[in-house]
Amino acid sequence: MPNEHQLQVSNALALAARTSYRRSATYVRACYMEQPGVYSSLCTTMKKQKLDSTLTMTSKCPFPGNVCAADTVVVDSGPIKSDLDLGLTTKEEDRLTIRRVSSAVPLRLDKYMTDWATPTPDLVPLGALPNEIYKVWYLGNSKVTGSNATFIFGNVSHFYNRQIYAIELVLP
């Protein structure tokens, strides 16, 4: 049971979150709704009302073989400058430029899926139960578990291998 101080802190956080949400919702309605001619002095809070991005709906599949079920969708933010685009006051030489490129594509996962079977020894550390039967999707090698099982779906439970991919930062 929380004490009085913990309740007060929780209440203050909930109130702050609700106030922040209301201000954000008001800002979005006033500044980002697609209504020509409707502007507010509130909209000068952000440096730019909208950051442009590029959407490509027909990029080719980023994987080898016949894995993709459709074209890849790519969203590219382009360069976003911390001072000019986000309004963070800095010297020009201290400016940060960021860029986000995201892609999504439906995959033909049936090629990487097993039939229903009892778990192999490499799946037990991932949470597979010996008396349950599973379908396993093998999509990549894990440096942590030694298994390349990405998703395990059992007749009772399912598991994700949350550490299946290693992300490496490559600097120019």
Protein backbone atom coordinates (compact mmCIF):
# COMPACT_ATOMS: atom_id res chain seq x y z
CA MET A 1 0.00 0.00 0.00
CA PRO A 2 1.53 3.37 -0.98
CA ASN A 3 2.15 5.95 1.73
CA GLU A 4 0.78 9.52 1.68
CA HIS A 5 3.92 10.99 0.06
CA GLN A 6 3.85 8.41 -2.77
CA LEU A 7 0.17 9.19 -3.42
CA GLN A 8 0.92 12.92 -3.59
CA VAL A 9 3.78 12.34 -6.04
CA SER A 10 1.61 10.05 -8.20
CA ASN A 11 -1.20 12.60 -8.16
CA ALA A 12 1.18 15.41 -9.16
CA LEU A 13 2.58 13.35 -12.03
CA ALA A 14 -0.91 12.45 -13.26
CA LEU A 15 -1.96 16.11 -13.12
CA ALA A 16 1.18 17.22 -14.99
CA ALA A 17 0.61 14.55 -17.65
CA ARG A 18 -3.03 15.54 -18.10
CA THR A 19 -2.11 19.24 -18.41
CA SER A 20 0.65 18.44 -20.91
CA TYR A 21 -1.74 16.28 -22.94
CA ARG A 22 -4.39 19.03 -23.04
CA ARG A 23 -1.84 21.64 -24.15
CA SER A 24 -0.49 19.29 -26.82
CA ALA A 25 -3.98 18.49 -28.09
CA THR A 26 -4.84 22.19 -28.27
CA TYR A 27 -1.60 22.91 -30.14
CA VAL A 28 -2.26 20.11 -32.63
CA ARG A 29 -5.84 21.26 -33.27
CA ALA A 30 -4.78 24.89 -33.72
CA CYS A 31 -1.62 24.39 -35.75
CA TYR A 32 -1.52 21.06 -37.54
CA MET A 33 -5.06 20.48 -38.72
CA GLU A 34 -5.38 20.88 -42.47
CA GLN A 35 -7.70 23.91 -42.35
CA PRO A 36 -6.55 26.73 -44.66
CA GLY A 37 -6.87 30.18 -43.15
CA VAL A 38 -7.07 28.97 -39.55
CA TYR A 39 -4.00 30.15 -37.66
CA SER A 40 -3.30 31.02 -34.08
CA SER A 41 -0.59 32.91 -32.21
CA LEU A 42 -0.07 29.59 -30.43
CA CYS A 43 1.44 28.20 -33.64
CA THR A 44 4.60 30.27 -33.26
CA THR A 45 5.73 28.05 -30.37
CA MET A 46 7.58 25.68 -32.71
CA LYS A 47 10.19 26.87 -35.21
CA LYS A 48 8.44 25.08 -38.08
CA GLN A 49 4.85 23.98 -38.16
CA LYS A 50 5.68 20.89 -40.22
CA LEU A 51 8.85 18.94 -41.00
CA ASP A 52 8.84 17.65 -44.57
CA SER A 53 9.58 14.03 -45.32
CA THR A 54 9.66 11.84 -48.39
CA LEU A 55 7.45 8.77 -48.77
CA THR A 56 8.43 6.18 -51.36
CA MET A 57 5.84 3.44 -51.86
CA THR A 58 7.65 1.32 -54.45
CA SER A 59 11.18 0.66 -53.17
CA LYS A 60 12.69 -2.72 -53.98
CA CYS A 61 12.95 -5.47 -51.40
CA PRO A 62 15.97 -4.98 -49.08
CA PHE A 63 16.38 -8.75 -48.55
CA PRO A 64 17.91 -11.33 -50.90
CA GLY A 65 15.70 -13.91 -52.55
CA ASN A 66 11.94 -13.89 -52.89
CA VAL A 67 11.25 -12.86 -49.27
CA CYS A 68 9.14 -9.72 -49.69
CA ALA A 69 5.42 -10.06 -50.35
CA ALA A 70 5.11 -6.50 -51.75
CA ASP A 71 7.11 -3.35 -52.44
CA THR A 72 8.93 -1.73 -49.55
CA VAL A 73 7.58 1.55 -48.14
CA VAL A 74 10.33 4.01 -47.16
CA VAL A 75 9.89 7.19 -45.12
CA ASP A 76 12.88 9.57 -45.17
CA SER A 77 12.90 12.62 -42.91
CA GLY A 78 15.74 14.23 -44.84
CA PRO A 79 18.23 16.29 -42.83
CA ILE A 80 16.67 17.94 -39.76
CA LYS A 81 18.74 20.78 -38.34
CA SER A 82 18.47 21.35 -34.59
CA ASP A 83 18.51 25.16 -34.90
CA LEU A 84 16.67 25.88 -38.15
CA ASP A 85 14.06 23.11 -37.98
CA LEU A 86 13.60 22.46 -34.26
CA GLY A 87 14.34 25.93 -32.90
CA LEU A 88 17.13 24.94 -30.51
CA THR A 89 19.31 27.99 -30.05
CA THR A 90 22.94 27.14 -30.75
CA LYS A 91 25.90 28.50 -32.63
CA GLU A 92 25.95 27.29 -36.21
CA GLU A 93 29.05 25.17 -35.56
CA ASP A 94 27.23 23.45 -32.66
CA ARG A 95 24.19 22.59 -34.76
CA LEU A 96 23.13 18.95 -34.85
CA THR A 97 21.73 17.44 -38.00
CA ILE A 98 19.74 14.24 -37.77
CA ARG A 99 18.02 12.08 -40.35
CA ARG A 100 15.67 9.13 -39.97
CA VAL A 101 15.03 6.62 -42.73
CA SER A 102 12.47 3.91 -41.91
CA SER A 103 11.21 1.13 -44.10
CA ALA A 104 8.48 -1.46 -43.85
CA VAL A 105 7.60 -4.43 -45.99
CA PRO A 106 5.37 -7.50 -45.54
CA LEU A 107 7.45 -10.68 -45.64
CA ARG A 108 6.68 -14.19 -46.84
CA LEU A 109 7.34 -15.80 -43.48
CA ASP A 110 6.01 -19.23 -44.40
CA LYS A 111 9.40 -20.02 -45.97
CA TYR A 112 11.05 -19.60 -42.55
CA MET A 113 8.47 -21.40 -40.42
CA THR A 114 8.49 -24.96 -39.12
CA ASP A 115 5.55 -27.32 -38.80
CA TRP A 116 4.11 -28.02 -35.35
CA ALA A 117 6.73 -29.93 -33.34
CA THR A 118 8.14 -30.40 -29.85
CA PRO A 119 10.87 -27.89 -28.98
CA THR A 120 14.48 -28.59 -29.87
CA PRO A 121 17.10 -28.07 -27.12
CA ASP A 122 18.10 -24.64 -28.47
CA LEU A 123 14.53 -23.34 -27.89
CA VAL A 124 14.28 -24.32 -24.20
CA PRO A 125 16.46 -21.36 -23.03
CA LEU A 126 14.08 -19.05 -24.91
CA GLY A 127 11.16 -20.24 -22.78
CA ALA A 128 9.81 -23.20 -24.73
CA LEU A 129 8.07 -25.75 -22.53
CA PRO A 130 8.93 -29.45 -23.08
CA ASN A 131 5.28 -30.64 -23.18
CA GLU A 132 4.07 -28.02 -25.62
CA ILE A 133 4.20 -28.09 -29.44
CA TYR A 134 5.47 -25.08 -31.38
CA LYS A 135 5.81 -23.43 -34.73
CA VAL A 136 9.10 -21.55 -34.99
CA TRP A 137 10.05 -18.69 -37.31
CA TYR A 138 13.79 -18.54 -38.06
CA LEU A 139 14.71 -15.06 -39.29
CA GLY A 140 18.21 -14.35 -38.00
CA ASN A 141 21.08 -15.45 -35.79
CA SER A 142 21.20 -14.30 -32.17
CA LYS A 143 24.59 -13.46 -30.72
CA VAL A 144 23.06 -13.87 -27.26
CA THR A 145 21.22 -17.20 -27.31
CA GLY A 146 22.97 -18.99 -30.16
CA SER A 147 19.57 -19.71 -31.74
CA ASN A 148 18.17 -18.06 -34.82
CA ALA A 149 14.57 -18.44 -33.65
CA THR A 150 12.90 -15.03 -33.86
CA PHE A 151 9.35 -15.97 -32.90
CA ILE A 152 7.99 -19.11 -31.26
CA PHE A 153 4.26 -19.74 -31.28
CA GLY A 154 3.03 -22.62 -29.15
CA ASN A 155 -0.33 -24.27 -28.74
CA VAL A 156 -0.45 -22.63 -25.27
CA SER A 157 2.03 -19.72 -25.34
CA HIS A 158 4.26 -17.63 -27.58
CA PHE A 159 7.67 -16.00 -27.22
CA TYR A 160 9.72 -13.36 -29.00
CA ASN A 161 13.49 -13.50 -29.03
CA ARG A 162 13.94 -9.84 -28.08
CA GLN A 163 17.70 -9.88 -28.56
CA ILE A 164 17.81 -11.49 -31.98
CA TYR A 165 19.35 -8.61 -33.89
CA ALA A 166 22.54 -6.70 -33.14
CA ILE A 167 22.46 -3.02 -34.12
CA GLU A 168 25.82 -1.59 -35.06
CA LEU A 169 26.55 2.13 -35.26
CA VAL A 170 28.67 2.92 -38.30
CA LEU A 171 30.25 6.35 -38.33
CA PRO A 172 31.71 7.85 -41.53
